[in-house]
Each structure stands twice: as structure tokens, then as C-alpha cells.
Amino acid sequence: MANIVDTAVNAGSFGTLVAAVKAAGLVDTLIGTGPFTLFAPNDEAFAKLPEGTVAGLLKDIPKLKKILTYHVVSGKVMAADVMKMKSAKTVQGSDVKINTSNGVKVNDATVTSPDVAADNGVIHIIDTVLIPA
């Protein structure tokens, strides 16, 4: 099995996320021991952001890091565990809200593919980029 970053690269639908992780200098963290849970926005999620947002974030590394670490939870939190949660503390420091009343939503993002296994954690694919307050 591959680590979280290599799993995302191999999936082929996370080009923007992987580029952002590299630009923010977070690759070494996300290939580390972990375990980590990554709520991973796919390329379509990044495409929904207003035009110029991604380019702007790639020039503002502190803000980019804040947003990316808002997608990561310490520990390996599988979908069955997520279903029992109301919120989760992110590596960024803030909580994300979890709503399981109709599928699984993390803040305003829907989990489209849960439990993508990696050797240092798990990825849950989401359809919207999470933005901390």
C-alpha cells in the first residue's frame, strides 16, 4: 500500500490537491507515520472555487497551509467511526462539523468516496474544498 500522498497521486483525480500540498511544504508531514485522516477535495471541488482562488492560495503559503491542514484529522478515522461523530478536530486546530443525517457531510462538503486506504491513514474523498472560519 502507498502513503496518503502517493495514494492521492495514483488516483489521478487530485492534481490540484497534490500541487497545493507540495507548494505548502506538507508532503513530508503527510507521508509521515501518521496515522492521518484526509478529507480530500478532488480536482472538481477545486474547480468550483471562484476563479483565481487556487492561484492566489499558491502565492499565500501560510493561508494555503491553514486550509490544507483543515482537511486533516489526526488518527485513522474510518467511515464507520465518522458516522458516530458530530465534529472532528483538525490538524489546523479548528473543528469540522459532521452531519450523517443524509449521507455524510463534513461542513458543506459531501463525502463521495469513503475509506480509501493508505498505509499511514485513510482518505475520504469530498466534493467541496473546506475553508476554515
C-alpha atoms as a PDB file:
ATOM      1  CA  MET A   1       0.000   0.000   0.000  1.00  0.00           C
ATOM      2  CA  ALA A   2       1.099   3.610  -0.543  1.00  0.00           C
ATOM      3  CA  ASN A   3       1.121   6.582   1.837  1.00  0.00           C
ATOM      4  CA  ILE A   4      -1.592   9.254   1.670  1.00  0.00           C
ATOM      5  CA  VAL A   5       0.265  11.469  -0.826  1.00  0.00           C
ATOM      6  CA  ASP A   6       1.195   8.619  -3.182  1.00  0.00           C
ATOM      7  CA  THR A   7      -2.356   7.231  -2.939  1.00  0.00           C
ATOM      8  CA  ALA A   8      -3.715  10.637  -3.994  1.00  0.00           C
ATOM      9  CA  VAL A   9      -1.202  10.887  -6.852  1.00  0.00           C
ATOM     10  CA  ASN A  10      -2.032   7.362  -8.060  1.00  0.00           C
ATOM     11  CA  ALA A  11      -5.779   8.087  -8.007  1.00  0.00           C
ATOM     12  CA  GLY A  12      -5.266  10.682 -10.732  1.00  0.00           C
ATOM     13  CA  SER A  13      -8.096  12.989  -9.625  1.00  0.00           C
ATOM     14  CA  PHE A  14      -6.188  15.060  -7.053  1.00  0.00           C
ATOM     15  CA  GLY A  15      -3.739  17.046  -9.198  1.00  0.00           C
ATOM     16  CA  THR A  16      -4.665  20.373  -7.610  1.00  0.00           C
ATOM     17  CA  LEU A  17      -4.586  18.981  -4.061  1.00  0.00           C
ATOM     18  CA  VAL A  18      -1.197  17.324  -4.606  1.00  0.00           C
ATOM     19  CA  ALA A  19       0.230  20.515  -6.157  1.00  0.00           C
ATOM     20  CA  ALA A  20      -1.068  22.523  -3.195  1.00  0.00           C
ATOM     21  CA  VAL A  21       0.383  20.049  -0.662  1.00  0.00           C
ATOM     22  CA  LYS A  22       3.764  20.273  -2.424  1.00  0.00           C
ATOM     23  CA  ALA A  23       3.630  24.101  -2.595  1.00  0.00           C
ATOM     24  CA  ALA A  24       2.765  24.294   1.119  1.00  0.00           C
ATOM     25  CA  GLY A  25       5.642  22.007   2.076  1.00  0.00           C
ATOM     26  CA  LEU A  26       3.318  19.432   3.649  1.00  0.00           C
ATOM     27  CA  VAL A  27       4.450  16.342   1.716  1.00  0.00           C
ATOM     28  CA  ASP A  28       6.875  15.186   4.436  1.00  0.00           C
ATOM     29  CA  THR A  29       4.120  15.510   7.040  1.00  0.00           C
ATOM     30  CA  LEU A  30       1.564  13.548   5.027  1.00  0.00           C
ATOM     31  CA  ILE A  31       3.999  10.771   4.122  1.00  0.00           C
ATOM     32  CA  GLY A  32       4.977  10.505   7.787  1.00  0.00           C
ATOM     33  CA  THR A  33       3.978   7.813  10.236  1.00  0.00           C
ATOM     34  CA  GLY A  34       0.542   9.246  10.995  1.00  0.00           C
ATOM     35  CA  PRO A  35      -1.964   7.883  11.038  1.00  0.00           C
ATOM     36  CA  PHE A  36      -3.943  10.643   9.361  1.00  0.00           C
ATOM     37  CA  THR A  37      -7.433  11.042   8.014  1.00  0.00           C
ATOM     38  CA  LEU A  38      -7.566  13.275   4.943  1.00  0.00           C
ATOM     39  CA  PHE A  39     -10.832  14.744   3.710  1.00  0.00           C
ATOM     40  CA  ALA A  40      -9.540  15.128   0.156  1.00  0.00           C
ATOM     41  CA  PRO A  41     -11.199  17.525  -2.275  1.00  0.00           C
ATOM     42  CA  ASN A  42     -10.852  16.228  -5.830  1.00  0.00           C
ATOM     43  CA  ASP A  43      -9.974  18.409  -8.820  1.00  0.00           C
ATOM     44  CA  GLU A  44     -13.684  19.094  -9.462  1.00  0.00           C
ATOM     45  CA  ALA A  45     -14.001  20.503  -5.927  1.00  0.00           C
ATOM     46  CA  PHE A  46     -11.123  22.910  -6.532  1.00  0.00           C
ATOM     47  CA  ALA A  47     -12.665  23.871  -9.896  1.00  0.00           C
ATOM     48  CA  LYS A  48     -15.801  25.060  -8.036  1.00  0.00           C
ATOM     49  CA  LEU A  49     -13.801  27.754  -6.207  1.00  0.00           C
ATOM     50  CA  PRO A  50     -14.036  31.292  -7.611  1.00  0.00           C
ATOM     51  CA  GLU A  51     -11.642  31.925 -10.484  1.00  0.00           C
ATOM     52  CA  GLY A  52      -8.164  32.865  -9.292  1.00  0.00           C
ATOM     53  CA  THR A  53      -8.615  31.382  -5.794  1.00  0.00           C
ATOM     54  CA  VAL A  54      -6.183  28.497  -6.272  1.00  0.00           C
ATOM     55  CA  ALA A  55      -3.562  30.724  -7.921  1.00  0.00           C
ATOM     56  CA  GLY A  56      -3.930  33.208  -5.070  1.00  0.00           C
ATOM     57  CA  LEU A  57      -3.503  30.480  -2.447  1.00  0.00           C
ATOM     58  CA  LEU A  58      -0.377  29.152  -4.146  1.00  0.00           C
ATOM     59  CA  LYS A  59       1.122  32.630  -3.581  1.00  0.00           C
ATOM     60  CA  ASP A  60      -0.043  32.830   0.070  1.00  0.00           C
ATOM     61  CA  ILE A  61       1.618  29.781   1.660  1.00  0.00           C
ATOM     62  CA  PRO A  62       0.518  30.491   5.282  1.00  0.00           C
ATOM     63  CA  LYS A  63      -3.141  30.677   4.180  1.00  0.00           C
ATOM     64  CA  LEU A  64      -2.702  27.619   1.939  1.00  0.00           C
ATOM     65  CA  LYS A  65      -1.257  25.626   4.875  1.00  0.00           C
ATOM     66  CA  LYS A  66      -4.166  26.710   7.091  1.00  0.00           C
ATOM     67  CA  ILE A  67      -6.698  25.496   4.512  1.00  0.00           C
ATOM     68  CA  LEU A  68      -4.896  22.218   3.773  1.00  0.00           C
ATOM     69  CA  THR A  69      -4.388  21.290   7.436  1.00  0.00           C
ATOM     70  CA  TYR A  70      -8.130  21.987   7.933  1.00  0.00           C
ATOM     71  CA  HIS A  71      -8.696  18.879   5.765  1.00  0.00           C
ATOM     72  CA  VAL A  72      -6.599  16.607   8.032  1.00  0.00           C
ATOM     73  CA  VAL A  73      -7.606  14.875  11.271  1.00  0.00           C
ATOM     74  CA  SER A  74      -5.074  13.034  13.438  1.00  0.00           C
ATOM     75  CA  GLY A  75      -5.692   9.307  13.609  1.00  0.00           C
ATOM     76  CA  LYS A  76      -7.262   6.837  11.211  1.00  0.00           C
ATOM     77  CA  VAL A  77     -10.977   7.667  11.273  1.00  0.00           C
ATOM     78  CA  MET A  78     -12.848   5.161   9.112  1.00  0.00           C
ATOM     79  CA  ALA A  79     -16.347   5.857   7.751  1.00  0.00           C
ATOM     80  CA  ALA A  80     -17.959   3.712  10.453  1.00  0.00           C
ATOM     81  CA  ASP A  81     -16.294   5.939  13.068  1.00  0.00           C
ATOM     82  CA  VAL A  82     -17.231   9.150  11.240  1.00  0.00           C
ATOM     83  CA  MET A  83     -20.884   8.045  11.349  1.00  0.00           C
ATOM     84  CA  LYS A  84     -20.773   8.276  15.185  1.00  0.00           C
ATOM     85  CA  MET A  85     -19.242  11.776  15.251  1.00  0.00           C
ATOM     86  CA  LYS A  86     -20.758  15.270  15.343  1.00  0.00           C
ATOM     87  CA  SER A  87     -17.426  17.045  14.799  1.00  0.00           C
ATOM     88  CA  ALA A  88     -13.723  16.375  14.444  1.00  0.00           C
ATOM     89  CA  LYS A  89     -10.708  18.439  15.483  1.00  0.00           C
ATOM     90  CA  THR A  90      -8.456  19.161  12.513  1.00  0.00           C
ATOM     91  CA  VAL A  91      -4.669  19.467  12.483  1.00  0.00           C
ATOM     92  CA  GLN A  92      -5.244  23.173  11.732  1.00  0.00           C
ATOM     93  CA  GLY A  93      -6.844  23.474  15.186  1.00  0.00           C
ATOM     94  CA  SER A  94     -10.493  24.160  14.332  1.00  0.00           C
ATOM     95  CA  ASP A  95     -13.308  21.635  14.291  1.00  0.00           C
ATOM     96  CA  VAL A  96     -15.202  20.492  11.210  1.00  0.00           C
ATOM     97  CA  LYS A  97     -18.892  19.705  11.631  1.00  0.00           C
ATOM     98  CA  ILE A  98     -20.054  16.231  10.665  1.00  0.00           C
ATOM     99  CA  ASN A  99     -23.643  15.555   9.650  1.00  0.00           C
ATOM    100  CA  THR A 100     -24.752  11.999   8.897  1.00  0.00           C
ATOM    101  CA  SER A 101     -28.498  12.590   8.539  1.00  0.00           C
ATOM    102  CA  ASN A 102     -28.377  12.244   4.734  1.00  0.00           C
ATOM    103  CA  GLY A 103     -25.136  10.594   3.653  1.00  0.00           C
ATOM    104  CA  VAL A 104     -22.033  12.091   5.230  1.00  0.00           C
ATOM    105  CA  LYS A 105     -21.273  15.800   5.137  1.00  0.00           C
ATOM    106  CA  VAL A 106     -18.170  17.490   6.504  1.00  0.00           C
ATOM    107  CA  ASN A 107     -19.181  21.140   6.899  1.00  0.00           C
ATOM    108  CA  ASP A 108     -20.757  21.753   3.452  1.00  0.00           C
ATOM    109  CA  ALA A 109     -18.817  19.029   1.636  1.00  0.00           C
ATOM    110  CA  THR A 110     -20.306  15.647   0.805  1.00  0.00           C
ATOM    111  CA  VAL A 111     -18.159  12.541   1.183  1.00  0.00           C
ATOM    112  CA  THR A 112     -18.364  10.948  -2.264  1.00  0.00           C
ATOM    113  CA  SER A 113     -15.952   8.059  -1.643  1.00  0.00           C
ATOM    114  CA  PRO A 114     -15.130   6.933   1.904  1.00  0.00           C
ATOM    115  CA  ASP A 115     -12.366   4.712   3.221  1.00  0.00           C
ATOM    116  CA  VAL A 116      -9.681   4.963   0.533  1.00  0.00           C
ATOM    117  CA  ALA A 117      -6.935   3.058   2.337  1.00  0.00           C
ATOM    118  CA  ALA A 118      -3.360   4.292   2.665  1.00  0.00           C
ATOM    119  CA  ASP A 119      -0.583   2.747   4.710  1.00  0.00           C
ATOM    120  CA  ASN A 120      -0.447   5.779   7.046  1.00  0.00           C
ATOM    121  CA  GLY A 121      -4.153   6.537   7.287  1.00  0.00           C
ATOM    122  CA  VAL A 122      -7.298   6.894   5.245  1.00  0.00           C
ATOM    123  CA  ILE A 123      -8.700   9.266   2.628  1.00  0.00           C
ATOM    124  CA  HIS A 124     -12.351  10.272   2.350  1.00  0.00           C
ATOM    125  CA  ILE A 125     -12.986  11.996  -0.985  1.00  0.00           C
ATOM    126  CA  ILE A 126     -15.129  15.148  -0.730  1.00  0.00           C
ATOM    127  CA  ASP A 127     -16.794  17.313  -3.372  1.00  0.00           C
ATOM    128  CA  THR A 128     -16.058  20.751  -1.894  1.00  0.00           C
ATOM    129  CA  VAL A 129     -12.935  22.464  -0.553  1.00  0.00           C
ATOM    130  CA  LEU A 130     -13.248  23.117   3.185  1.00  0.00           C
ATOM    131  CA  ILE A 131     -12.466  26.705   4.193  1.00  0.00           C
ATOM    132  CA  PRO A 132     -11.809  27.425   7.892  1.00  0.00           C
ATOM    133  CA  ALA A 133     -13.560  30.398   9.512  1.00  0.00           C
END
